[in-house]
Amino acid sequence: MSPDAGQPEKDPMVATRLSLPATRESVTHKFSVAGHEGYITVGLFPDGRPGELFITMAKEGSTIGGLMDAFGTSVSMSLQYGVPLEDYVRKFSHMRFEPQGHTKNPDIRIAKSLIDYIFRWLGIQFLPGY
């Protein structure tokens, strides 16, 4: 207990989660990588920073859809705990695995994977100078 506050001291090593407001702005982007289509929806904090990520695959089996959903949830939670988007973009851009190929996005003509496309798009959208 803190002697002057009468409350337990907060541990500076414990991360604090910043929740998004119940009603928030978002950006939704339709994408296609080598014919595999999907949607990226990014929920925004009031200051415009990304705070949640939803990845919905169209016409894909439950396995890839479930993995992308779980991955989006994981990224969302870490953004809310303060992990910078720059770290994700640096780590996952140019990651190579199937499916890979041409896209319909003139800024990202060829994607090395779905994850590559998603994080390069996030970098273009939300990181000045990316």
Protein backbone atom coordinates (compact mmCIF):
# COMPACT_ATOMS: atom_id res chain seq x y z
CA MET A 1 0.00 0.00 0.00
CA SER A 2 1.11 3.48 -0.78
CA PRO A 3 1.48 5.30 2.53
CA ASP A 4 0.07 8.60 1.29
CA ALA A 5 -2.67 7.43 -1.11
CA GLY A 6 -4.23 4.59 0.84
CA GLN A 7 -4.33 2.49 -2.39
CA PRO A 8 -2.03 -0.19 -3.77
CA GLU A 9 0.87 1.12 -5.85
CA LYS A 10 0.64 0.46 -9.59
CA ASP A 11 3.38 -1.71 -11.00
CA PRO A 12 5.06 0.27 -13.83
CA MET A 13 5.80 -3.01 -15.64
CA VAL A 14 2.12 -3.93 -16.01
CA ALA A 15 0.66 -2.89 -19.37
CA THR A 16 -2.63 -1.03 -19.45
CA ARG A 17 -5.15 -1.70 -22.18
CA LEU A 18 -6.67 1.35 -23.86
CA SER A 19 -10.18 0.45 -25.04
CA LEU A 20 -11.82 1.98 -28.07
CA PRO A 21 -15.05 3.92 -27.59
CA ALA A 22 -18.29 1.99 -28.15
CA THR A 23 -18.99 4.06 -31.27
CA ARG A 24 -15.89 4.63 -33.42
CA GLU A 25 -14.77 5.51 -36.90
CA SER A 26 -13.41 2.75 -39.11
CA VAL A 27 -11.91 2.14 -42.54
CA THR A 28 -12.84 -0.91 -44.63
CA HIS A 29 -10.75 -1.99 -47.63
CA LYS A 30 -11.53 -4.77 -50.11
CA PHE A 31 -8.48 -6.63 -51.38
CA SER A 32 -7.53 -9.43 -53.74
CA VAL A 33 -4.25 -11.34 -53.78
CA ALA A 34 -3.94 -13.84 -56.63
CA GLY A 35 -7.72 -14.15 -56.72
CA HIS A 36 -8.14 -14.62 -52.96
CA GLU A 37 -10.49 -11.84 -51.88
CA GLY A 38 -11.12 -10.40 -48.48
CA TYR A 39 -11.81 -7.30 -46.43
CA ILE A 40 -9.67 -5.40 -43.94
CA THR A 41 -11.60 -3.32 -41.39
CA VAL A 42 -9.61 -1.06 -39.07
CA GLY A 43 -11.33 0.50 -36.05
CA LEU A 44 -9.82 3.81 -35.03
CA PHE A 45 -9.08 5.52 -31.74
CA PRO A 46 -10.51 9.08 -31.55
CA ASP A 47 -7.08 10.46 -32.59
CA GLY A 48 -7.15 8.39 -35.82
CA ARG A 49 -4.70 5.66 -34.75
CA PRO A 50 -5.63 2.05 -35.56
CA GLY A 51 -6.96 0.25 -32.50
CA GLU A 52 -8.47 -2.92 -33.91
CA LEU A 53 -8.09 -5.07 -37.01
CA PHE A 54 -10.65 -7.39 -38.56
CA ILE A 55 -9.68 -9.59 -41.52
CA THR A 56 -12.55 -11.29 -43.31
CA MET A 57 -11.81 -13.70 -46.13
CA ALA A 58 -14.44 -14.18 -48.84
CA LYS A 59 -15.13 -17.72 -50.09
CA GLU A 60 -12.37 -19.31 -48.05
CA GLY A 61 -12.61 -22.39 -45.89
CA SER A 62 -13.11 -22.19 -42.17
CA THR A 63 -9.41 -22.84 -41.43
CA ILE A 64 -7.94 -19.83 -43.22
CA GLY A 65 -10.89 -17.65 -42.19
CA GLY A 66 -10.47 -18.69 -38.57
CA LEU A 67 -6.71 -18.13 -38.61
CA MET A 68 -7.10 -14.66 -40.11
CA ASP A 69 -9.80 -13.81 -37.56
CA ALA A 70 -7.59 -14.98 -34.68
CA PHE A 71 -4.59 -13.09 -36.08
CA GLY A 72 -6.67 -9.90 -36.38
CA THR A 73 -7.83 -10.28 -32.77
CA SER A 74 -4.24 -10.73 -31.62
CA VAL A 75 -3.09 -7.60 -33.48
CA SER A 76 -6.09 -5.67 -32.09
CA MET A 77 -5.27 -6.55 -28.51
CA SER A 78 -1.62 -5.63 -28.85
CA LEU A 79 -2.45 -2.28 -30.51
CA GLN A 80 -4.71 -1.55 -27.53
CA TYR A 81 -1.83 -2.42 -25.18
CA GLY A 82 0.43 0.04 -26.96
CA VAL A 83 2.43 -1.98 -29.49
CA PRO A 84 3.20 0.51 -32.29
CA LEU A 85 1.77 -0.21 -35.74
CA GLU A 86 5.25 0.55 -37.13
CA ASP A 87 6.57 -2.60 -35.43
CA TYR A 88 3.91 -4.76 -37.09
CA VAL A 89 4.47 -3.19 -40.50
CA ARG A 90 8.24 -3.70 -40.22
CA LYS A 91 7.87 -7.32 -39.07
CA PHE A 92 5.15 -8.59 -41.43
CA SER A 93 5.69 -6.61 -44.65
CA HIS A 94 7.35 -8.74 -47.35
CA MET A 95 6.64 -12.02 -45.52
CA ARG A 96 6.49 -14.66 -48.25
CA PHE A 97 4.08 -17.62 -48.42
CA GLU A 98 1.13 -18.79 -50.55
CA PRO A 99 -1.13 -17.38 -51.76
CA GLN A 100 1.00 -14.72 -53.40
CA GLY A 101 0.65 -12.80 -56.62
CA HIS A 102 -0.93 -9.85 -58.37
CA THR A 103 -3.35 -7.50 -56.64
CA LYS A 104 -5.81 -4.89 -57.89
CA ASN A 105 -4.15 -2.18 -55.78
CA PRO A 106 -1.93 0.17 -57.83
CA ASP A 107 0.18 0.91 -54.72
CA ILE A 108 0.84 -2.80 -54.04
CA ARG A 109 1.02 -4.46 -57.46
CA ILE A 110 2.35 -7.80 -56.21
CA ALA A 111 1.93 -9.23 -52.71
CA LYS A 112 4.22 -11.93 -51.35
CA SER A 113 1.41 -13.20 -49.08
CA LEU A 114 -1.91 -12.10 -47.61
CA ILE A 115 -0.07 -10.89 -44.49
CA ASP A 116 2.38 -8.93 -46.66
CA TYR A 117 -0.51 -7.20 -48.43
CA ILE A 118 -2.38 -6.38 -45.20
CA PHE A 119 0.59 -4.81 -43.44
CA ARG A 120 1.89 -2.93 -46.46
CA TRP A 121 -1.63 -1.50 -46.92
CA LEU A 122 -1.74 -0.55 -43.22
CA GLY A 123 1.64 1.18 -43.59
CA ILE A 124 0.47 3.15 -46.63
CA GLN A 125 -2.82 4.07 -44.93
CA PHE A 126 -1.64 4.98 -41.43
CA LEU A 127 2.12 5.64 -41.35
CA PRO A 128 3.21 8.98 -42.79
CA GLY A 129 6.09 8.56 -45.22
CA TYR A 130 5.74 4.78 -45.53
